[in-house]
Structures are given as C-alpha cells and as structure tokens.
Amino acid sequence: MDKQTEGTVVSVKKQWWLKVNTKMLRMGPLDGTTFPHIAKVKYSVDGTEYSKLVWINAGHPVPKVGDTVHVRYRSDKPKKAKVL
C-alpha cells in the first residue's frame, strides 16, 4: 500500500441475516441486537473510478452516505485498496 487518496461512501447496507446479541437476557427478538454493515466506497486514481466494498463489524461506527474516507492503494494496482 503505497499511496493514499480520498473516497466517498456511496451506499451502506445493514446485514439483517447476521444478528449479534449484546444482552444475556432479552425481552424481545431485537432487544440488545446489533448488526454488521457493508459500505461501498468509490475512489478515483488518475481519472479512473474504482469501488471497494468494506465489511464493518457489529458495534463499530458506521459512516453515512456521502462521508469522505481515506483509501490507501497500491501504485502498481490501484484496484487493490484498503479503506481506513
């Protein structure tokens, strides 16, 4: 990972099929439940648009659509990237 650029969050989807219970005793089916998310980030390198899907674990802060995030990518293969 050599270079860094700015990316924009295009979409965020909640993964309803994977429920993480945070309480030992629940009063309802969704009481104390958190869900992981998948965010789609678009970034540009030398005029070429790339997109990256990012898994966000349950309980971690989720970026909103339109937020700016840092993307680190390889200079020889810009498609290989990591969202920070």
PDB file of N, CA and C in Angstrom:
ATOM      1  N   MET A   1       0.838  -1.159   0.000  1.00  0.00           N
ATOM      2  CA  MET A   1       0.000   0.000   0.000  1.00  0.00           C
ATOM      3  C   MET A   1       0.894   1.235   0.000  1.00  0.00           C
ATOM      4  N   ASP A   2       0.973   1.879  -1.138  1.00  0.00           N
ATOM      5  CA  ASP A   2       1.923   2.964  -1.307  1.00  0.00           C
ATOM      6  C   ASP A   2       1.310   4.346  -1.190  1.00  0.00           C
ATOM      7  N   LYS A   3       0.180   4.563  -1.832  1.00  0.00           N
ATOM      8  CA  LYS A   3      -0.373   5.912  -1.936  1.00  0.00           C
ATOM      9  C   LYS A   3      -1.727   5.993  -1.247  1.00  0.00           C
ATOM     10  N   GLN A   4      -2.158   7.237  -1.022  1.00  0.00           N
ATOM     11  CA  GLN A   4      -3.411   7.462  -0.314  1.00  0.00           C
ATOM     12  C   GLN A   4      -4.240   8.496  -1.059  1.00  0.00           C
ATOM     13  N   THR A   5      -5.558   8.303  -1.038  1.00  0.00           N
ATOM     14  CA  THR A   5      -6.478   9.232  -1.671  1.00  0.00           C
ATOM     15  C   THR A   5      -7.749   9.319  -0.823  1.00  0.00           C
ATOM     16  N   GLU A   6      -8.671  10.151  -1.247  1.00  0.00           N
ATOM     17  CA  GLU A   6      -9.953  10.299  -0.563  1.00  0.00           C
ATOM     18  C   GLU A   6     -11.018   9.542  -1.346  1.00  0.00           C
ATOM     19  N   GLY A   7     -11.913   8.891  -0.635  1.00  0.00           N
ATOM     20  CA  GLY A   7     -13.023   8.187  -1.247  1.00  0.00           C
ATOM     21  C   GLY A   7     -14.334   8.669  -0.656  1.00  0.00           C
ATOM     22  N   THR A   8     -15.434   8.353  -1.326  1.00  0.00           N
ATOM     23  CA  THR A   8     -16.762   8.760  -0.883  1.00  0.00           C
ATOM     24  C   THR A   8     -17.617   7.523  -0.656  1.00  0.00           C
ATOM     25  N   VAL A   9     -18.348   7.492   0.456  1.00  0.00           N
ATOM     26  CA  VAL A   9     -19.254   6.388   0.753  1.00  0.00           C
ATOM     27  C   VAL A   9     -20.492   6.544  -0.123  1.00  0.00           C
ATOM     28  N   VAL A  10     -20.755   5.531  -0.952  1.00  0.00           N
ATOM     29  CA  VAL A  10     -21.868   5.582  -1.896  1.00  0.00           C
ATOM     30  C   VAL A  10     -23.115   4.927  -1.310  1.00  0.00           C
ATOM     31  N   SER A  11     -22.944   3.798  -0.622  1.00  0.00           N
ATOM     32  CA  SER A  11     -24.093   3.117  -0.022  1.00  0.00           C
ATOM     33  C   SER A  11     -23.656   2.365   1.227  1.00  0.00           C
ATOM     34  N   VAL A  12     -24.608   2.193   2.130  1.00  0.00           N
ATOM     35  CA  VAL A  12     -24.387   1.423   3.357  1.00  0.00           C
ATOM     36  C   VAL A  12     -25.588   0.506   3.527  1.00  0.00           C
ATOM     37  N   LYS A  13     -25.324  -0.801   3.681  1.00  0.00           N
ATOM     38  CA  LYS A  13     -26.407  -1.769   3.841  1.00  0.00           C
ATOM     39  C   LYS A  13     -26.231  -2.538   5.140  1.00  0.00           C
ATOM     40  N   LYS A  14     -27.326  -2.661   5.877  1.00  0.00           N
ATOM     41  CA  LYS A  14     -27.322  -3.436   7.115  1.00  0.00           C
ATOM     42  C   LYS A  14     -27.501  -4.911   6.762  1.00  0.00           C
ATOM     43  N   GLN A  15     -26.725  -5.771   7.380  1.00  0.00           N
ATOM     44  CA  GLN A  15     -26.795  -7.206   7.130  1.00  0.00           C
ATOM     45  C   GLN A  15     -27.747  -7.842   8.143  1.00  0.00           C
ATOM     46  N   TRP A  16     -29.029  -7.879   7.796  1.00  0.00           N
ATOM     47  CA  TRP A  16     -30.065  -8.368   8.701  1.00  0.00           C
ATOM     48  C   TRP A  16     -29.922  -9.846   9.008  1.00  0.00           C
ATOM     49  N   TRP A  17     -29.284 -10.604   8.129  1.00  0.00           N
ATOM     50  CA  TRP A  17     -29.183 -12.053   8.299  1.00  0.00           C
ATOM     51  C   TRP A  17     -28.178 -12.455   9.376  1.00  0.00           C
ATOM     52  N   LEU A  18     -27.329 -11.520   9.843  1.00  0.00           N
ATOM     53  CA  LEU A  18     -26.336 -11.836  10.871  1.00  0.00           C
ATOM     54  C   LEU A  18     -26.609 -10.972  12.098  1.00  0.00           C
ATOM     55  N   LYS A  19     -27.272 -11.554  13.079  1.00  0.00           N
ATOM     56  CA  LYS A  19     -27.678 -10.826  14.279  1.00  0.00           C
ATOM     57  C   LYS A  19     -26.677 -11.106  15.394  1.00  0.00           C
ATOM     58  N   VAL A  20     -26.201 -10.052  16.056  1.00  0.00           N
ATOM     59  CA  VAL A  20     -25.271 -10.187  17.172  1.00  0.00           C
ATOM     60  C   VAL A  20     -25.989  -9.719  18.435  1.00  0.00           C
ATOM     61  N   ASN A  21     -26.202 -10.647  19.361  1.00  0.00           N
ATOM     62  CA  ASN A  21     -26.883 -10.318  20.614  1.00  0.00           C
ATOM     63  C   ASN A  21     -25.871  -9.750  21.600  1.00  0.00           C
ATOM     64  N   THR A  22     -26.200  -8.617  22.210  1.00  0.00           N
ATOM     65  CA  THR A  22     -25.295  -7.984  23.165  1.00  0.00           C
ATOM     66  C   THR A  22     -25.773  -8.119  24.604  1.00  0.00           C
ATOM     67  N   LYS A  23     -26.974  -8.624  24.815  1.00  0.00           N
ATOM     68  CA  LYS A  23     -27.506  -8.817  26.163  1.00  0.00           C
ATOM     69  C   LYS A  23     -27.655 -10.311  26.443  1.00  0.00           C
ATOM     70  N   MET A  24     -27.493 -10.675  27.706  1.00  0.00           N
ATOM     71  CA  MET A  24     -27.682 -12.078  28.073  1.00  0.00           C
ATOM     72  C   MET A  24     -29.163 -12.440  28.121  1.00  0.00           C
ATOM     73  N   LEU A  25     -29.986 -11.524  28.614  1.00  0.00           N
ATOM     74  CA  LEU A  25     -31.417 -11.751  28.716  1.00  0.00           C
ATOM     75  C   LEU A  25     -32.128 -10.700  27.876  1.00  0.00           C
ATOM     76  N   ARG A  26     -32.930 -11.172  26.921  1.00  0.00           N
ATOM     77  CA  ARG A  26     -33.633 -10.245  26.041  1.00  0.00           C
ATOM     78  C   ARG A  26     -35.124 -10.299  26.315  1.00  0.00           C
ATOM     79  N   MET A  27     -35.767  -9.152  26.194  1.00  0.00           N
ATOM     80  CA  MET A  27     -37.210  -9.075  26.392  1.00  0.00           C
ATOM     81  C   MET A  27     -37.963  -9.213  25.067  1.00  0.00           C
ATOM     82  N   GLY A  28     -37.296  -9.015  23.954  1.00  0.00           N
ATOM     83  CA  GLY A  28     -37.908  -9.127  22.635  1.00  0.00           C
ATOM     84  C   GLY A  28     -36.896  -9.677  21.648  1.00  0.00           C
ATOM     85  N   PRO A  29     -37.324  -9.956  20.421  1.00  0.00           N
ATOM     86  CA  PRO A  29     -36.409 -10.567  19.446  1.00  0.00           C
ATOM     87  C   PRO A  29     -35.256  -9.665  19.009  1.00  0.00           C
ATOM     88  N   LEU A  30     -35.421  -8.339  19.070  1.00  0.00           N
ATOM     89  CA  LEU A  30     -34.350  -7.431  18.650  1.00  0.00           C
ATOM     90  C   LEU A  30     -33.804  -6.595  19.802  1.00  0.00           C
ATOM     91  N   ASP A  31     -34.096  -6.978  21.031  1.00  0.00           N
ATOM     92  CA  ASP A  31     -33.636  -6.240  22.203  1.00  0.00           C
ATOM     93  C   ASP A  31     -32.135  -6.467  22.396  1.00  0.00           C
ATOM     94  N   GLY A  32     -31.344  -5.411  22.316  1.00  0.00           N
ATOM     95  CA  GLY A  32     -29.903  -5.526  22.503  1.00  0.00           C
ATOM     96  C   GLY A  32     -29.184  -6.137  21.320  1.00  0.00           C
ATOM     97  N   THR A  33     -29.787  -6.082  20.145  1.00  0.00           N
ATOM     98  CA  THR A  33     -29.200  -6.684  18.954  1.00  0.00           C
ATOM     99  C   THR A  33     -28.513  -5.623  18.105  1.00  0.00           C
ATOM    100  N   THR A  34     -27.319  -5.952  17.604  1.00  0.00           N
ATOM    101  CA  THR A  34     -26.628  -5.087  16.650  1.00  0.00           C
ATOM    102  C   THR A  34     -26.344  -5.888  15.389  1.00  0.00           C
ATOM    103  N   PHE A  35     -26.167  -5.187  14.294  1.00  0.00           N
ATOM    104  CA  PHE A  35     -25.948  -5.832  13.008  1.00  0.00           C
ATOM    105  C   PHE A  35     -24.691  -5.270  12.352  1.00  0.00           C
ATOM    106  N   PRO A  36     -23.940  -6.104  11.619  1.00  0.00           N
ATOM    107  CA  PRO A  36     -22.827  -5.578  10.829  1.00  0.00           C
ATOM    108  C   PRO A  36     -23.359  -4.868   9.581  1.00  0.00           C
ATOM    109  N   HIS A  37     -22.488  -4.108   8.920  1.00  0.00           N
ATOM    110  CA  HIS A  37     -22.865  -3.354   7.725  1.00  0.00           C
ATOM    111  C   HIS A  37     -21.846  -3.602   6.617  1.00  0.00           C
ATOM    112  N   ILE A  38     -22.270  -3.366   5.384  1.00  0.00           N
ATOM    113  CA  ILE A  38     -21.368  -3.356   4.232  1.00  0.00           C
ATOM    114  C   ILE A  38     -21.481  -1.974   3.599  1.00  0.00           C
ATOM    115  N   ALA A  39     -20.337  -1.301   3.467  1.00  0.00           N
ATOM    116  CA  ALA A  39     -20.304   0.031   2.865  1.00  0.00           C
ATOM    117  C   ALA A  39     -19.594  -0.053   1.517  1.00  0.00           C
ATOM    118  N   LYS A  40     -20.127   0.648   0.528  1.00  0.00           N
ATOM    119  CA  LYS A  40     -19.497   0.727  -0.788  1.00  0.00           C
ATOM    120  C   LYS A  40     -18.837   2.090  -0.912  1.00  0.00           C
ATOM    121  N   VAL A  41     -17.529   2.083  -1.193  1.00  0.00           N
ATOM    122  CA  VAL A  41     -16.738   3.308  -1.280  1.00  0.00           C
ATOM    123  C   VAL A  41     -16.228   3.452  -2.704  1.00  0.00           C
ATOM    124  N   LYS A  42     -16.385   4.640  -3.276  1.00  0.00           N
ATOM    125  CA  LYS A  42     -15.827   4.931  -4.604  1.00  0.00           C
ATOM    126  C   LYS A  42     -14.672   5.899  -4.448  1.00  0.00           C
ATOM    127  N   TYR A  43     -13.589   5.625  -5.187  1.00  0.00           N
ATOM    128  CA  TYR A  43     -12.421   6.497  -5.167  1.00  0.00           C
ATOM    129  C   TYR A  43     -11.849   6.585  -6.569  1.00  0.00           C
ATOM    130  N   SER A  44     -11.076   7.625  -6.817  1.00  0.00           N
ATOM    131  CA  SER A  44     -10.540   7.891  -8.143  1.00  0.00           C
ATOM    132  C   SER A  44      -9.021   7.951  -8.089  1.00  0.00           C
ATOM    133  N   VAL A  45      -8.375   7.273  -9.070  1.00  0.00           N
ATOM    134  CA  VAL A  45      -6.919   7.301  -9.201  1.00  0.00           C
ATOM    135  C   VAL A  45      -6.597   7.600 -10.660  1.00  0.00           C
ATOM    136  N   ASP A  46      -5.923   8.707 -10.906  1.00  0.00           N
ATOM    137  CA  ASP A  46      -5.520   9.121 -12.258  1.00  0.00           C
ATOM    138  C   ASP A  46      -6.700   9.160 -13.227  1.00  0.00           C
ATOM    139  N   GLY A  47      -7.847   9.625 -12.766  1.00  0.00           N
ATOM    140  CA  GLY A  47      -9.019   9.756 -13.626  1.00  0.00           C
ATOM    141  C   GLY A  47      -9.837   8.488 -13.781  1.00  0.00           C
ATOM    142  N   THR A  48      -9.416   7.379 -13.195  1.00  0.00           N
ATOM    143  CA  THR A  48     -10.151   6.120 -13.273  1.00  0.00           C
ATOM    144  C   THR A  48     -10.901   5.899 -11.964  1.00  0.00           C
ATOM    145  N   GLU A  49     -12.197   5.587 -12.075  1.00  0.00           N
ATOM    146  CA  GLU A  49     -13.028   5.348 -10.894  1.00  0.00           C
ATOM    147  C   GLU A  49     -12.914   3.889 -10.458  1.00  0.00           C
ATOM    148  N   TYR A  50     -12.772   3.677  -9.165  1.00  0.00           N
ATOM    149  CA  TYR A  50     -12.738   2.344  -8.577  1.00  0.00           C
ATOM    150  C   TYR A  50     -13.753   2.296  -7.446  1.00  0.00           C
ATOM    151  N   SER A  51     -14.208   1.088  -7.114  1.00  0.00           N
ATOM    152  CA  SER A  51     -15.107   0.934  -5.971  1.00  0.00           C
ATOM    153  C   SER A  51     -14.620  -0.219  -5.109  1.00  0.00           C
ATOM    154  N   LYS A  52     -14.927  -0.130  -3.836  1.00  0.00           N
ATOM    155  CA  LYS A  52     -14.472  -1.121  -2.864  1.00  0.00           C
ATOM    156  C   LYS A  52     -15.595  -1.363  -1.866  1.00  0.00           C
ATOM    157  N   LEU A  53     -15.872  -2.638  -1.555  1.00  0.00           N
ATOM    158  CA  LEU A  53     -16.835  -2.986  -0.524  1.00  0.00           C
ATOM    159  C   LEU A  53     -16.093  -3.198   0.784  1.00  0.00           C
ATOM    160  N   VAL A  54     -16.632  -2.656   1.862  1.00  0.00           N
ATOM    161  CA  VAL A  54     -15.980  -2.718   3.163  1.00  0.00           C
ATOM    162  C   VAL A  54     -16.941  -3.341   4.171  1.00  0.00           C
ATOM    163  N   TRP A  55     -16.482  -4.383   4.872  1.00  0.00           N
ATOM    164  CA  TRP A  55     -17.266  -5.015   5.927  1.00  0.00           C
ATOM    165  C   TRP A  55     -17.021  -4.253   7.222  1.00  0.00           C
ATOM    166  N   ILE A  56     -18.090  -3.831   7.881  1.00  0.00           N
ATOM    167  CA  ILE A  56     -17.992  -3.107   9.151  1.00  0.00           C
ATOM    168  C   ILE A  56     -18.625  -3.985  10.223  1.00  0.00           C
ATOM    169  N   ASN A  57     -17.833  -4.394  11.193  1.00  0.00           N
ATOM    170  CA  ASN A  57     -18.311  -5.290  12.240  1.00  0.00           C
ATOM    171  C   ASN A  57     -19.419  -4.653  13.068  1.00  0.00           C
ATOM    172  N   ALA A  58     -20.227  -5.505  13.682  1.00  0.00           N
ATOM    173  CA  ALA A  58     -21.322  -5.043  14.536  1.00  0.00           C
ATOM    174  C   ALA A  58     -20.760  -4.269  15.720  1.00  0.00           C
ATOM    175  N   GLY A  59     -21.360  -3.135  16.010  1.00  0.00           N
ATOM    176  CA  GLY A  59     -20.928  -2.317  17.132  1.00  0.00           C
ATOM    177  C   GLY A  59     -19.921  -1.246  16.771  1.00  0.00           C
ATOM    178  N   HIS A  60     -19.307  -1.324  15.596  1.00  0.00           N
ATOM    179  CA  HIS A  60     -18.362  -0.293  15.164  1.00  0.00           C
ATOM    180  C   HIS A  60     -19.125   0.866  14.522  1.00  0.00           C
ATOM    181  N   PRO A  61     -18.566   2.078  14.558  1.00  0.00           N
ATOM    182  CA  PRO A  61     -19.267   3.219  13.952  1.00  0.00           C
ATOM    183  C   PRO A  61     -19.415   3.053  12.437  1.00  0.00           C
ATOM    184  N   VAL A  62     -20.588   3.393  11.941  1.00  0.00           N
ATOM    185  CA  VAL A  62     -20.908   3.232  10.517  1.00  0.00           C
ATOM    186  C   VAL A  62     -20.909   4.605   9.854  1.00  0.00           C
ATOM    187  N   PRO A  63     -20.151   4.786   8.752  1.00  0.00           N
ATOM    188  CA  PRO A  63     -20.173   6.080   8.061  1.00  0.00           C
ATOM    189  C   PRO A  63     -21.501   6.287   7.341  1.00  0.00           C
ATOM    190  N   LYS A  64     -21.872   7.535   7.177  1.00  0.00           N
ATOM    191  CA  LYS A  64     -23.100   7.873   6.459  1.00  0.00           C
ATOM    192  C   LYS A  64     -22.799   7.995   4.969  1.00  0.00           C
ATOM    193  N   VAL A  65     -23.833   7.870   4.150  1.00  0.00           N
ATOM    194  CA  VAL A  65     -23.687   8.037   2.704  1.00  0.00           C
ATOM    195  C   VAL A  65     -23.254   9.472   2.432  1.00  0.00           C
ATOM    196  N   GLY A  66     -22.211   9.629   1.639  1.00  0.00           N
ATOM    197  CA  GLY A  66     -21.680  10.945   1.316  1.00  0.00           C
ATOM    198  C   GLY A  66     -20.472  11.330   2.147  1.00  0.00           C
ATOM    199  N   ASP A  67     -20.177  10.572   3.204  1.00  0.00           N
ATOM    200  CA  ASP A  67     -18.997  10.859   4.022  1.00  0.00           C
ATOM    201  C   ASP A  67     -17.717  10.583   3.239  1.00  0.00           C
ATOM    202  N   THR A  68     -16.668  11.295   3.587  1.00  0.00           N
ATOM    203  CA  THR A  68     -15.361  11.112   2.961  1.00  0.00           C
ATOM    204  C   THR A  68     -14.502  10.220   3.849  1.00  0.00           C
ATOM    205  N   VAL A  69     -13.849   9.228   3.233  1.00  0.00           N
ATOM    206  CA  VAL A  69     -12.975   8.308   3.960  1.00  0.00           C
ATOM    207  C   VAL A  69     -11.616   8.257   3.263  1.00  0.00           C
ATOM    208  N   HIS A  70     -10.602   7.841   3.992  1.00  0.00           N
ATOM    209  CA  HIS A  70      -9.265   7.694   3.427  1.00  0.00           C
ATOM    210  C   HIS A  70      -9.123   6.300   2.819  1.00  0.00           C
ATOM    211  N   VAL A  71      -8.528   6.239   1.626  1.00  0.00           N
ATOM    212  CA  VAL A  71      -8.296   4.975   0.938  1.00  0.00           C
ATOM    213  C   VAL A  71      -6.815   4.878   0.624  1.00  0.00           C
ATOM    214  N   ARG A  72      -6.202   3.772   1.048  1.00  0.00           N
ATOM    215  CA  ARG A  72      -4.800   3.531   0.719  1.00  0.00           C
ATOM    216  C   ARG A  72      -4.757   2.451  -0.361  1.00  0.00           C
ATOM    217  N   TYR A  73      -3.975   2.674  -1.422  1.00  0.00           N
ATOM    218  CA  TYR A  73      -3.952   1.744  -2.550  1.00  0.00           C
ATOM    219  C   TYR A  73      -2.521   1.519  -3.019  1.00  0.00           C
ATOM    220  N   ARG A  74      -2.346   0.437  -3.801  1.00  0.00           N
ATOM    221  CA  ARG A  74      -1.040   0.131  -4.377  1.00  0.00           C
ATOM    222  C   ARG A  74      -0.854   0.948  -5.647  1.00  0.00           C
ATOM    223  N   SER A  75       0.342   1.472  -5.846  1.00  0.00           N
ATOM    224  CA  SER A  75       0.580   2.313  -7.024  1.00  0.00           C
ATOM    225  C   SER A  75       0.588   1.491  -8.310  1.00  0.00           C
ATOM    226  N   ASP A  76       1.003   0.220  -8.243  1.00  0.00           N
ATOM    227  CA  ASP A  76       1.019  -0.602  -9.455  1.00  0.00           C
ATOM    228  C   ASP A  76      -0.353  -1.197  -9.767  1.00  0.00           C
ATOM    229  N   LYS A  77      -1.186  -1.449  -8.745  1.00  0.00           N
ATOM    230  CA  LYS A  77      -2.546  -1.965  -8.936  1.00  0.00           C
ATOM    231  C   LYS A  77      -3.502  -1.158  -8.059  1.00  0.00           C
ATOM    232  N   PRO A  78      -4.055  -0.068  -8.576  1.00  0.00           N
ATOM    233  CA  PRO A  78      -4.941   0.773  -7.758  1.00  0.00           C
ATOM    234  C   PRO A  78      -6.224   0.062  -7.314  1.00  0.00           C
ATOM    235  N   LYS A  79      -6.588  -1.033  -7.986  1.00  0.00           N
ATOM    236  CA  LYS A  79      -7.787  -1.774  -7.584  1.00  0.00           C
ATOM    237  C   LYS A  79      -7.595  -2.437  -6.221  1.00  0.00           C
ATOM    238  N   LYS A  80      -6.355  -2.752  -5.871  1.00  0.00           N
ATOM    239  CA  LYS A  80      -6.035  -3.318  -4.556  1.00  0.00           C
ATOM    240  C   LYS A  80      -5.950  -2.165  -3.563  1.00  0.00           C
ATOM    241  N   ALA A  81      -6.938  -2.056  -2.698  1.00  0.00           N
ATOM    242  CA  ALA A  81      -7.001  -0.905  -1.793  1.00  0.00           C
ATOM    243  C   ALA A  81      -7.497  -1.331  -0.422  1.00  0.00           C
ATOM    244  N   LYS A  82      -7.285  -0.444   0.529  1.00  0.00           N
ATOM    245  CA  LYS A  82      -7.773  -0.636   1.892  1.00  0.00           C
ATOM    246  C   LYS A  82      -8.395   0.672   2.355  1.00  0.00           C
ATOM    247  N   VAL A  83      -9.606   0.571   2.867  1.00  0.00           N
ATOM    248  CA  VAL A  83     -10.299   1.754   3.367  1.00  0.00           C
ATOM    249  C   VAL A  83      -9.935   1.923   4.832  1.00  0.00           C
ATOM    250  N   LEU A  84      -9.482   3.132   5.185  1.00  0.00           N
ATOM    251  CA  LEU A  84      -9.053   3.399   6.562  1.00  0.00           C
ATOM    252  C   LEU A  84     -10.153   4.043   7.369  1.00  0.00           C
TER     253      LEU A  84
END
